[in-house]
Amino acid sequence: MSNQAPVFQLLDEDQDNCALSLSGDWVQGFEHTPFAELQAQLLQHRPHALTADGAALTNWDSVLMAFLLQCHNFCISQDITFNTRNMPEGIVKLLEVATAVKPHEQSEEQQKPWWQSLNPVELMHKVTRDITESLAFIGEVAIAFVRLLAGKANTRFTDIRDFCYQAGPNAFGIISLTSVLVGMILAYLGAAQLQQFGAQVYVANLVVIGMLREMGVLMTAVVMAGRTGAAYAAQLGTMQTNEEIDAITTMGISPIEFLVMPRMLALIAVMPLLVIYANLLGIIGGGIVAGGMGISPLQYITQSQSAFAISHIMVGLIKSVVFAVLIAIAGCRSGINSGRSSAAVGQAATEAVVTAIVYLIVADAAINILFQQLGI
């Protein structure tokens, strides 16, 4: 049997209805008239209904299916009723599956201009919704933690070990760079003022206290929020897209216990160690600047020892644990609540970083006020 080129012809059945006659071999390797020509004919006739007739078809594959789907979508957009007749059974079933779900339409909320989102009422609703979701997530995490202490949680300690490696040793490079530079910046800022009084030797006190109580833990937390918090959101968001979280839930396993708790516990375990490491490198960075101002290494070490106090270290370590919990909550909540598309995963990662940094700033201010009232 000789092959025939695929052909379509638009016929008028009556005043309001048209028939689309399809003939030939609608298979790969044969070119057919572009769909744009049929689109132009339909716009010219403007029928109320279009019926695709496959009585003259010989062979078909996905080429015909793609063409019919284009016809269906165009008819829907133009309020034209689309029907088929004399079509192969496979085409009818495939078309039913392909058109079972309506195309995604952008919601009115997404189509609003950006300035309308500044409405105080809408902002208040959004803030209230975010706070409610955060509190609900924190409650689920608390329940999972209690179950973990009772030995009933579906949390694997091998996962905690793997996430410790991901959040710890793999972060040494960026933590080292930022810590040394922050220590040098603190020393430069202090030297600019202390040199006016001939008290540049107290740069060591400024660097030690600043790194131990504030800058070491805060800069480490910001780096971990951008690195580990975003990674948690992207990992869980991708699992949400692939419906892996739904599968875990279907098996009767809590995603909070199985996915969130290992990440949170790993970050809690690693953050204090990273903060101690960052403090040490920050003090070394300040010593480099102090050496440039004529302060001998012995003087710098002596002044550092005089400023050193266990209370300063404890303040930084307490902050590190609190910050680790907040970073894990921000990253995991954004990932768990992510949409099911690549764009949603990216948005979840961005939201995780922004939310974590806001959490860190608010928590840091609150902890500082609390310790000041306690005299620590």
Protein backbone atom coordinates (compact mmCIF):
# COMPACT_ATOMS: atom_id res chain seq x y z
CA MET A 1 0.00 0.00 0.00
CA SER A 2 1.39 3.40 -1.03
CA ASN A 3 1.70 6.08 1.61
CA GLN A 4 -0.47 9.18 1.36
CA ALA A 5 0.44 12.60 2.64
CA PRO A 6 -1.65 13.86 5.58
CA VAL A 7 -4.34 16.31 4.53
CA PHE A 8 -7.10 18.19 6.31
CA GLN A 9 -10.04 20.05 4.84
CA LEU A 10 -12.52 22.34 6.58
CA LEU A 11 -16.07 21.78 5.32
CA ASP A 12 -19.29 23.64 6.10
CA GLU A 13 -21.99 21.22 7.29
CA ASP A 14 -24.54 23.93 8.03
CA GLN A 15 -24.64 27.57 9.01
CA ASP A 16 -23.19 27.05 12.50
CA ASN A 17 -21.21 23.81 12.24
CA CYS A 18 -18.06 22.81 10.41
CA ALA A 19 -16.45 19.45 9.78
CA LEU A 20 -12.70 18.86 9.73
CA SER A 21 -12.03 16.01 7.31
CA LEU A 22 -8.71 14.22 7.95
CA SER A 23 -7.20 11.86 5.41
CA GLY A 24 -3.90 10.19 4.59
CA ASP A 25 -1.10 8.95 6.85
CA TRP A 26 -0.69 11.16 9.93
CA VAL A 27 2.64 9.68 10.96
CA GLN A 28 6.21 10.83 11.55
CA GLY A 29 8.10 11.69 8.36
CA PHE A 30 5.20 13.34 6.52
CA GLU A 31 4.64 17.08 6.63
CA HIS A 32 1.11 18.39 6.85
CA THR A 33 -0.30 21.86 6.38
CA PRO A 34 0.54 23.98 9.46
CA PHE A 35 -2.12 24.35 12.10
CA ALA A 36 -1.95 28.14 11.65
CA GLU A 37 -3.81 27.77 8.32
CA LEU A 38 -6.65 25.85 9.96
CA GLN A 39 -6.71 28.46 12.73
CA ALA A 40 -7.10 31.24 10.16
CA GLN A 41 -9.95 29.36 8.44
CA LEU A 42 -11.76 28.83 11.74
CA LEU A 43 -11.45 32.51 12.61
CA GLN A 44 -12.93 33.33 9.21
CA HIS A 45 -15.87 30.91 9.45
CA ARG A 46 -16.44 31.33 13.22
CA PRO A 47 -18.54 28.16 13.66
CA HIS A 48 -20.33 27.25 16.88
CA ALA A 49 -19.11 23.63 16.66
CA LEU A 50 -16.26 21.78 14.96
CA THR A 51 -16.34 18.02 14.32
CA ALA A 52 -13.11 16.22 13.42
CA ASP A 53 -13.91 13.35 11.03
CA GLY A 54 -11.40 10.51 10.70
CA ALA A 55 -13.25 8.33 8.23
CA ALA A 56 -10.56 8.78 5.56
CA LEU A 57 -7.58 8.13 7.85
CA THR A 58 -5.21 5.31 6.97
CA ASN A 59 -2.35 5.39 9.51
CA TRP A 60 -1.73 7.58 12.54
CA ASP A 61 0.61 8.13 15.46
CA SER A 62 1.41 10.95 17.89
CA VAL A 63 1.42 13.47 15.02
CA LEU A 64 -2.34 13.18 14.67
CA MET A 65 -2.81 13.28 18.44
CA ALA A 66 -0.81 16.50 18.74
CA PHE A 67 -2.78 18.08 15.89
CA LEU A 68 -6.15 17.19 17.42
CA LEU A 69 -5.04 18.51 20.81
CA GLN A 70 -4.14 21.82 19.17
CA CYS A 71 -7.60 21.88 17.61
CA HIS A 72 -9.25 21.13 20.95
CA ASN A 73 -7.34 23.83 22.85
CA PHE A 74 -7.99 26.43 20.16
CA CYS A 75 -11.69 25.63 20.10
CA ILE A 76 -11.87 25.95 23.88
CA SER A 77 -10.20 29.37 23.71
CA GLN A 78 -12.70 30.51 21.04
CA ASP A 79 -15.81 29.02 22.71
CA ILE A 80 -16.22 26.49 19.90
CA THR A 81 -17.61 23.05 20.71
CA PHE A 82 -15.13 20.37 19.63
CA ASN A 83 -16.31 16.84 18.74
CA THR A 84 -14.90 13.80 16.97
CA ARG A 85 -16.45 11.07 14.83
CA ASN A 86 -15.20 8.03 12.96
CA MET A 87 -11.93 8.27 14.90
CA PRO A 88 -9.81 5.25 15.88
CA GLU A 89 -10.57 4.06 19.39
CA GLY A 90 -7.03 4.81 20.55
CA ILE A 91 -7.32 8.44 19.47
CA VAL A 92 -10.60 8.86 21.33
CA LYS A 93 -9.18 7.44 24.56
CA LEU A 94 -5.97 9.45 24.34
CA LEU A 95 -7.91 12.64 23.68
CA GLU A 96 -10.12 11.97 26.70
CA VAL A 97 -7.06 11.56 28.90
CA ALA A 98 -5.29 14.62 27.47
CA THR A 99 -8.33 16.86 27.95
CA ALA A 100 -9.49 15.47 31.31
CA VAL A 101 -7.72 18.25 33.24
CA LYS A 102 -8.34 21.85 32.28
CA PRO A 103 -5.29 23.95 31.35
CA HIS A 104 -3.81 25.94 34.23
CA GLU A 105 -5.18 29.44 34.46
CA GLN A 106 -3.39 32.14 36.37
CA SER A 107 -5.39 33.17 39.41
CA GLU A 108 -6.69 36.68 39.80
CA GLU A 109 -4.43 37.16 42.81
CA GLN A 110 -1.36 36.44 40.67
CA GLN A 111 -2.58 38.80 37.94
CA LYS A 112 -2.96 41.76 40.27
CA PRO A 113 -0.47 44.63 39.83
CA TRP A 114 2.28 44.72 42.44
CA TRP A 115 1.02 47.92 44.06
CA GLN A 116 -2.28 46.28 44.96
CA SER A 117 -0.40 43.83 47.16
CA LEU A 118 0.50 46.75 49.44
CA ASN A 119 -3.08 46.87 50.72
CA PRO A 120 -2.77 46.86 54.56
CA VAL A 121 -5.71 44.46 54.92
CA GLU A 122 -4.20 41.94 52.49
CA LEU A 123 -0.80 42.30 54.12
CA MET A 124 -2.34 41.62 57.53
CA HIS A 125 -4.13 38.53 56.19
CA LYS A 126 -0.90 37.26 54.64
CA VAL A 127 1.11 37.83 57.82
CA THR A 128 -1.60 36.14 59.89
CA ARG A 129 -1.69 33.15 57.54
CA ASP A 130 2.11 32.81 57.60
CA ILE A 131 2.22 33.00 61.40
CA THR A 132 -0.55 30.41 61.67
CA GLU A 133 1.25 28.03 59.30
CA SER A 134 4.53 28.53 61.16
CA LEU A 135 2.95 27.83 64.54
CA ALA A 136 1.22 24.72 63.17
CA PHE A 137 4.50 23.47 61.73
CA ILE A 138 6.34 24.15 64.99
CA GLY A 139 3.63 22.21 66.83
CA GLU A 140 4.09 19.21 64.53
CA VAL A 141 7.86 19.39 65.02
CA ALA A 142 7.39 19.49 68.82
CA ILE A 143 5.15 16.41 68.70
CA ALA A 144 7.70 14.60 66.52
CA PHE A 145 10.47 15.52 68.97
CA VAL A 146 8.48 14.12 71.91
CA ARG A 147 7.88 10.90 69.95
CA LEU A 148 11.61 10.75 69.20
CA LEU A 149 12.45 11.00 72.90
CA ALA A 150 9.93 8.23 73.58
CA GLY A 151 11.53 6.04 70.90
CA LYS A 152 8.41 5.96 68.75
CA ALA A 153 9.42 8.27 65.90
CA ASN A 154 10.25 7.10 62.38
CA THR A 155 13.56 8.95 62.43
CA ARG A 156 16.68 7.19 61.12
CA PHE A 157 19.96 8.13 62.78
CA THR A 158 21.83 7.29 59.59
CA ASP A 159 20.03 10.24 57.99
CA ILE A 160 21.14 12.48 60.85
CA ARG A 161 24.75 11.43 60.23
CA ASP A 162 24.50 12.19 56.51
CA PHE A 163 22.95 15.61 57.09
CA CYS A 164 25.59 16.41 59.71
CA TYR A 165 28.24 15.85 57.05
CA GLN A 166 26.30 17.98 54.57
CA ALA A 167 25.86 20.88 57.00
CA GLY A 168 29.25 20.58 58.75
CA PRO A 169 32.44 19.65 56.89
CA ASN A 170 31.05 20.78 53.55
CA ALA A 171 30.52 24.28 55.00
CA PHE A 172 34.07 24.75 56.33
CA GLY A 173 35.26 26.67 53.26
CA ILE A 174 32.69 29.44 53.23
CA ILE A 175 32.64 29.66 57.06
CA SER A 176 36.43 30.05 57.13
CA LEU A 177 36.42 32.86 54.59
CA THR A 178 33.60 34.85 56.16
CA SER A 179 34.89 34.43 59.73
CA VAL A 180 38.40 35.67 58.98
CA LEU A 181 37.05 38.65 57.07
CA VAL A 182 34.53 39.53 59.79
CA GLY A 183 37.31 39.44 62.41
CA MET A 184 39.44 41.73 60.26
CA ILE A 185 36.52 44.12 59.74
CA LEU A 186 35.85 44.30 63.48
CA ALA A 187 39.52 45.06 64.11
CA TYR A 188 39.60 47.81 61.47
CA LEU A 189 36.46 49.43 62.86
CA GLY A 190 37.80 49.38 66.41
CA ALA A 191 41.26 50.58 65.42
CA ALA A 192 39.88 53.66 63.67
CA GLN A 193 38.47 54.90 66.98
CA LEU A 194 40.90 53.48 69.54
CA GLN A 195 43.97 54.88 67.80
CA GLN A 196 42.69 58.40 68.57
CA PHE A 197 43.23 57.64 72.27
CA GLY A 198 46.37 55.55 71.88
CA ALA A 199 44.43 52.49 73.05
CA GLN A 200 44.75 50.35 69.95
CA VAL A 201 45.82 47.41 72.10
CA TYR A 202 42.17 47.05 73.16
CA VAL A 203 41.31 46.01 69.61
CA ALA A 204 41.83 42.46 70.88
CA ASN A 205 39.09 42.94 73.50
CA LEU A 206 36.71 44.28 70.89
CA VAL A 207 37.34 41.41 68.48
CA VAL A 208 37.09 38.66 71.10
CA ILE A 209 33.89 39.92 72.72
CA GLY A 210 32.30 40.82 69.37
CA MET A 211 33.06 37.46 67.81
CA LEU A 212 32.11 35.32 70.82
CA ARG A 213 28.83 37.05 71.62
CA GLU A 214 27.55 38.34 68.30
CA MET A 215 29.33 38.33 64.98
CA GLY A 216 30.65 34.77 64.98
CA VAL A 217 27.30 33.12 65.59
CA LEU A 218 25.26 35.61 63.54
CA MET A 219 27.43 35.45 60.41
CA THR A 220 27.61 31.66 60.65
CA ALA A 221 23.83 31.49 60.94
CA VAL A 222 23.34 33.79 57.93
CA VAL A 223 25.70 31.65 55.84
CA MET A 224 23.95 28.46 56.93
CA ALA A 225 20.54 30.00 56.17
CA GLY A 226 21.63 30.76 52.61
CA ARG A 227 23.43 27.46 52.18
CA THR A 228 21.75 24.74 54.25
CA GLY A 229 18.29 26.31 54.74
CA ALA A 230 17.88 26.80 50.99
CA ALA A 231 19.16 23.26 50.37
CA TYR A 232 16.56 21.83 52.75
CA ALA A 233 13.79 23.77 51.00
CA ALA A 234 14.98 22.65 47.55
CA GLN A 235 15.31 19.01 48.59
CA LEU A 236 11.87 18.79 50.19
CA GLY A 237 10.31 20.90 47.42
CA THR A 238 11.67 18.52 44.79
CA MET A 239 10.31 15.58 46.77
CA GLN A 240 6.94 17.34 46.86
CA THR A 241 7.08 17.81 43.09
CA ASN A 242 7.89 14.13 42.56
CA GLU A 243 5.07 13.15 44.98
CA GLU A 244 7.58 11.36 47.22
CA ILE A 245 6.17 13.05 50.33
CA ASP A 246 2.68 11.86 49.37
CA ALA A 247 4.06 8.33 49.02
CA ILE A 248 5.67 8.52 52.47
CA THR A 249 2.41 9.74 53.98
CA THR A 250 0.47 6.97 52.21
CA MET A 251 2.73 4.38 53.85
CA GLY A 252 1.74 5.73 57.26
CA ILE A 253 5.06 7.50 57.93
CA SER A 254 5.07 11.06 59.21
CA PRO A 255 7.07 13.35 56.87
CA ILE A 256 7.96 15.51 59.88
CA GLU A 257 9.54 12.56 61.69
CA PHE A 258 11.15 11.00 58.63
CA LEU A 259 12.32 14.09 56.71
CA VAL A 260 12.32 17.15 58.97
CA MET A 261 13.66 15.81 62.28
CA PRO A 262 16.95 14.39 60.85
CA ARG A 263 17.71 17.72 59.17
CA MET A 264 16.88 19.75 62.28
CA LEU A 265 18.86 17.52 64.67
CA ALA A 266 21.84 17.54 62.32
CA LEU A 267 21.85 21.33 62.18
CA ILE A 268 21.48 21.58 65.97
CA ALA A 269 24.47 19.27 66.42
CA VAL A 270 26.68 21.02 63.87
CA MET A 271 25.94 24.71 64.49
CA PRO A 272 27.72 25.05 67.88
CA LEU A 273 30.83 23.41 66.45
CA LEU A 274 30.79 25.72 63.43
CA VAL A 275 30.36 28.73 65.72
CA ILE A 276 33.40 27.75 67.84
CA TYR A 277 35.39 27.31 64.62
CA ALA A 278 34.19 30.68 63.31
CA ASN A 279 35.06 32.42 66.58
CA LEU A 280 38.60 31.07 66.49
CA LEU A 281 39.17 32.16 62.89
CA GLY A 282 37.62 35.57 63.57
CA ILE A 283 40.02 36.17 66.44
CA ILE A 284 42.91 35.13 64.19
CA GLY A 285 41.67 37.55 61.52
CA GLY A 286 41.58 40.36 64.08
CA GLY A 287 45.12 39.44 65.12
CA ILE A 288 46.29 39.89 61.51
CA VAL A 289 44.97 43.46 61.49
CA ALA A 290 46.36 44.13 64.98
CA GLY A 291 49.80 43.04 63.80
CA GLY A 292 49.61 45.68 61.07
CA MET A 293 49.02 48.34 63.72
CA GLY A 294 52.19 47.49 65.63
CA ILE A 295 50.60 45.23 68.25
CA SER A 296 52.80 42.24 68.97
CA PRO A 297 51.31 38.75 68.97
CA LEU A 298 52.04 38.45 72.71
CA GLN A 299 50.14 41.67 73.46
CA TYR A 300 47.19 40.53 71.33
CA ILE A 301 47.05 37.13 73.05
CA THR A 302 47.32 38.70 76.53
CA GLN A 303 44.50 41.15 75.84
CA SER A 304 42.40 38.40 74.31
CA GLN A 305 42.81 36.31 77.45
CA SER A 306 41.72 39.23 79.63
CA ALA A 307 38.55 39.69 77.54
CA PHE A 308 37.83 35.98 77.37
CA ALA A 309 34.96 34.75 79.58
CA ILE A 310 32.88 31.60 79.73
CA SER A 311 29.71 33.72 79.73
CA HIS A 312 30.62 35.14 76.32
CA ILE A 313 31.07 31.64 74.90
CA MET A 314 27.81 30.40 76.41
CA VAL A 315 25.88 33.33 74.93
CA GLY A 316 27.17 32.45 71.47
CA LEU A 317 26.47 28.73 71.87
CA ILE A 318 22.92 29.31 73.14
CA LYS A 319 22.27 31.55 70.15
CA SER A 320 23.69 28.92 67.82
CA VAL A 321 21.21 26.28 68.99
CA VAL A 322 18.27 28.69 68.70
CA PHE A 323 19.41 29.83 65.25
CA ALA A 324 19.82 26.23 64.09
CA VAL A 325 16.23 25.43 65.05
CA LEU A 326 14.95 28.55 63.27
CA ILE A 327 16.93 27.87 60.08
CA ALA A 328 15.72 24.27 59.96
CA ILE A 329 12.11 25.30 60.56
CA ALA A 330 12.23 27.99 57.85
CA GLY A 331 13.86 25.69 55.28
CA CYS A 332 11.79 22.58 55.96
CA ARG A 333 8.47 24.44 56.21
CA SER A 334 9.06 26.14 52.85
CA GLY A 335 9.99 22.81 51.25
CA ILE A 336 7.07 20.84 52.73
CA ASN A 337 4.57 23.53 51.67
CA SER A 338 6.11 23.97 48.22
CA GLY A 339 4.08 23.72 45.04
CA ARG A 340 4.54 20.96 42.48
CA SER A 341 6.59 22.71 39.80
CA SER A 342 10.18 23.78 39.22
CA ALA A 343 9.21 27.43 39.68
CA ALA A 344 7.59 26.59 43.03
CA VAL A 345 10.77 24.85 44.21
CA GLY A 346 12.82 27.94 43.40
CA GLN A 347 10.30 30.13 45.17
CA ALA A 348 10.42 27.84 48.21
CA ALA A 349 14.23 28.12 48.38
CA THR A 350 14.03 31.91 48.18
CA GLU A 351 11.31 32.03 50.80
CA ALA A 352 13.36 29.80 53.10
CA VAL A 353 16.38 32.13 53.02
CA VAL A 354 14.36 35.32 53.49
CA THR A 355 12.26 33.84 56.30
CA ALA A 356 15.30 32.40 58.07
CA ILE A 357 17.15 35.73 58.00
CA VAL A 358 14.11 37.52 59.42
CA TYR A 359 13.85 34.88 62.15
CA LEU A 360 17.56 35.30 62.95
CA ILE A 361 17.41 39.08 63.29
CA VAL A 362 14.32 39.02 65.50
CA ALA A 363 15.65 36.18 67.66
CA ASP A 364 19.06 37.82 67.99
CA ALA A 365 17.51 41.08 69.20
CA ALA A 366 15.23 39.25 71.64
CA ILE A 367 18.08 37.16 73.09
CA ASN A 368 20.31 40.22 73.49
CA ILE A 369 17.57 42.07 75.37
CA LEU A 370 16.94 39.03 77.57
CA PHE A 371 20.63 38.59 78.44
CA GLN A 372 21.00 42.30 79.12
CA GLN A 373 18.11 42.16 81.60
CA LEU A 374 19.67 39.09 83.22
CA GLY A 375 23.07 40.78 83.40
CA ILE A 376 24.82 38.09 81.36
